[in-house]
C-alpha atoms as a PDB file:
ATOM      1  CA  MET A   1      17.102  -5.855   4.885  1.00  0.00           C
ATOM      2  CA  PRO A   2      14.208  -6.541   2.403  1.00  0.00           C
ATOM      3  CA  ARG A   3      10.832  -5.428   3.457  1.00  0.00           C
ATOM      4  CA  LYS A   4       8.416  -8.388   3.862  1.00  0.00           C
ATOM      5  CA  LYS A   5       5.281  -8.358   1.853  1.00  0.00           C
ATOM      6  CA  CYS A   6       2.416 -10.228   3.838  1.00  0.00           C
ATOM      7  CA  SER A   7      -0.793 -11.193   1.670  1.00  0.00           C
ATOM      8  CA  GLU A   8      -3.879  -9.822   2.390  1.00  0.00           C
ATOM      9  CA  GLU A   9      -5.175 -13.176   4.030  1.00  0.00           C
ATOM     10  CA  GLN A  10      -2.280 -12.841   6.437  1.00  0.00           C
ATOM     11  CA  ILE A  11      -3.109  -9.199   7.442  1.00  0.00           C
ATOM     12  CA  ILE A  12      -6.689  -9.873   8.003  1.00  0.00           C
ATOM     13  CA  TYR A  13      -5.521 -13.321   9.802  1.00  0.00           C
ATOM     14  CA  ALA A  14      -3.548 -11.250  12.235  1.00  0.00           C
ATOM     15  CA  LEU A  15      -6.091  -8.507  12.964  1.00  0.00           C
ATOM     16  CA  ARG A  16      -8.867 -11.320  13.554  1.00  0.00           C
ATOM     17  CA  SER A  17      -6.681 -13.269  15.710  1.00  0.00           C
ATOM     18  CA  VAL A  18      -5.952 -10.554  17.896  1.00  0.00           C
ATOM     19  CA  GLU A  19      -9.709  -9.410  17.996  1.00  0.00           C
ATOM     20  CA  GLY A  20     -10.458 -13.032  19.118  1.00  0.00           C
ATOM     21  CA  GLY A  21      -8.266 -12.996  22.074  1.00  0.00           C
ATOM     22  CA  ALA A  22      -4.640 -14.014  20.930  1.00  0.00           C
ATOM     23  CA  LYS A  23      -1.805 -12.128  22.312  1.00  0.00           C
ATOM     24  CA  ILE A  24      -0.494  -9.205  19.806  1.00  0.00           C
ATOM     25  CA  GLY A  25       3.249 -10.480  20.454  1.00  0.00           C
ATOM     26  CA  GLU A  26       2.220 -14.081  19.416  1.00  0.00           C
ATOM     27  CA  VAL A  27       0.581 -13.387  16.380  1.00  0.00           C
ATOM     28  CA  CYS A  28       3.396 -10.998  15.138  1.00  0.00           C
ATOM     29  CA  ARG A  29       5.782 -13.788  16.018  1.00  0.00           C
ATOM     30  CA  GLN A  30       4.180 -16.449  13.921  1.00  0.00           C
ATOM     31  CA  LEU A  31       3.810 -13.776  10.886  1.00  0.00           C
ATOM     32  CA  GLY A  32       7.416 -12.593  11.435  1.00  0.00           C
ATOM     33  CA  VAL A  33       6.633  -8.928  11.696  1.00  0.00           C
ATOM     34  CA  ALA A  34       6.945  -6.120  14.641  1.00  0.00           C
ATOM     35  CA  GLU A  35       4.233  -5.292  16.731  1.00  0.00           C
ATOM     36  CA  GLN A  36       4.626  -1.659  15.464  1.00  0.00           C
ATOM     37  CA  THR A  37       3.622  -3.447  11.978  1.00  0.00           C
ATOM     38  CA  TYR A  38       0.618  -4.937  13.594  1.00  0.00           C
ATOM     39  CA  PHE A  39      -0.465  -1.573  14.992  1.00  0.00           C
ATOM     40  CA  ARG A  40      -0.323   0.145  11.653  1.00  0.00           C
ATOM     41  CA  TRP A  41      -2.354  -2.665   9.983  1.00  0.00           C
ATOM     42  CA  LYS A  42      -4.934  -2.168  12.506  1.00  0.00           C
ATOM     43  CA  ARG A  43      -5.063   1.597  11.846  1.00  0.00           C
ATOM     44  CA  GLN A  44      -5.148   1.281   8.227  1.00  0.00           C
ATOM     45  CA  TYR A  45      -7.163  -1.907   7.573  1.00  0.00           C
ATOM     46  CA  GLY A  46      -9.252  -2.172  10.706  1.00  0.00           C
ATOM     47  CA  GLY A  47     -12.570  -3.088   9.576  1.00  0.00           C
ATOM     48  CA  LEU A  48     -11.929  -4.339   6.356  1.00  0.00           C
ATOM     49  CA  GLY A  49     -12.472  -7.939   4.825  1.00  0.00           C
ATOM     50  CA  VAL A  50      -9.952  -9.691   2.625  1.00  0.00           C
ATOM     51  CA  SER A  51     -11.727  -8.783  -0.930  1.00  0.00           C
ATOM     52  CA  GLU A  52     -12.124  -4.937   0.414  1.00  0.00           C
ATOM     53  CA  LEU A  53      -8.469  -5.086   1.228  1.00  0.00           C
ATOM     54  CA  ARG A  54      -7.579  -6.603  -2.202  1.00  0.00           C
ATOM     55  CA  GLU A  55      -9.543  -3.983  -3.965  1.00  0.00           C
ATOM     56  CA  LEU A  56      -7.867  -1.044  -1.806  1.00  0.00           C
ATOM     57  CA  ARG A  57      -4.400  -2.436  -2.811  1.00  0.00           C
ATOM     58  CA  GLN A  58      -5.379  -2.591  -6.561  1.00  0.00           C
ATOM     59  CA  LEU A  59      -6.779   1.012  -6.560  1.00  0.00           C
ATOM     60  CA  ARG A  60      -3.612   2.068  -4.932  1.00  0.00           C
ATOM     61  CA  ASP A  61      -1.466   0.502  -7.433  1.00  0.00           C
ATOM     62  CA  GLU A  62      -3.608   1.789 -10.178  1.00  0.00           C
ATOM     63  CA  ASN A  63      -3.524   5.331  -8.711  1.00  0.00           C
ATOM     64  CA  SER A  64       0.293   5.336  -8.669  1.00  0.00           C
ATOM     65  CA  SER A  65       0.485   4.303 -12.444  1.00  0.00           C
ATOM     66  CA  LEU A  66      -1.496   7.095 -13.176  1.00  0.00           C
ATOM     67  CA  LYS A  67       0.391   9.428 -11.036  1.00  0.00           C
ATOM     68  CA  ARG A  68       3.489   8.586 -13.132  1.00  0.00           C
ATOM     69  CA  LEU A  69       1.553   8.768 -16.478  1.00  0.00           C
ATOM     70  CA  VAL A  70       0.554  12.244 -15.598  1.00  0.00           C
ATOM     71  CA  ALA A  71       3.936  13.195 -14.211  1.00  0.00           C
ATOM     72  CA  ASP A  72       5.532  11.944 -17.574  1.00  0.00           C
ATOM     73  CA  LEU A  73       2.945  13.775 -19.880  1.00  0.00           C
ATOM     74  CA  SER A  74       3.385  16.898 -18.079  1.00  0.00           C
ATOM     75  CA  LEU A  75       7.197  16.680 -18.322  1.00  0.00           C
ATOM     76  CA  ASP A  76       6.907  15.948 -22.238  1.00  0.00           C
ATOM     77  CA  LYS A  77       4.451  18.944 -22.334  1.00  0.00           C
ATOM     78  CA  ARG A  78       7.247  21.304 -20.467  1.00  0.00           C
ATOM     79  CA  MET A  79       9.789  20.188 -22.695  1.00  0.00           C
ATOM     80  CA  LEU A  80       7.680  20.928 -26.120  1.00  0.00           C
ATOM     81  CA  GLN A  81       6.723  24.287 -24.725  1.00  0.00           C
ATOM     82  CA  LYS A  82      10.593  25.069 -24.446  1.00  0.00           C
ATOM     83  CA  VAL A  83      11.352  23.867 -27.692  1.00  0.00           C
ATOM     84  CA  LEU A  84       8.518  25.916 -29.234  1.00  0.00           C
ATOM     85  CA  ALA A  85       9.521  29.183 -27.067  1.00  0.00           C
ATOM     86  CA  LYS A  86      13.360  28.762 -28.703  1.00  0.00           C
ATOM     87  CA  LYS A  87      11.924  28.649 -32.315  1.00  0.00           C
ATOM     88  CA  VAL A  88       9.763  31.827 -32.206  1.00  0.00           C
END
């Protein structure tokens, strides 16, 4: 089953609705997510606004791409070192 990606607005809506008095089960049913997902969102994004949440996601995406880049470069370095070691 493919994972659904909720937008930042939907996550903040869910958190604010429950803070405002709505029932967790009702909000989760509207969004089509499990209550466990709500509690994970609450733990991760508890005090954030929409703009802060967008910035956090952008930074996470950038961080993962930089990690991939470092992994590729270190692999290239290791391969070049092996080639140079064989020539000497």
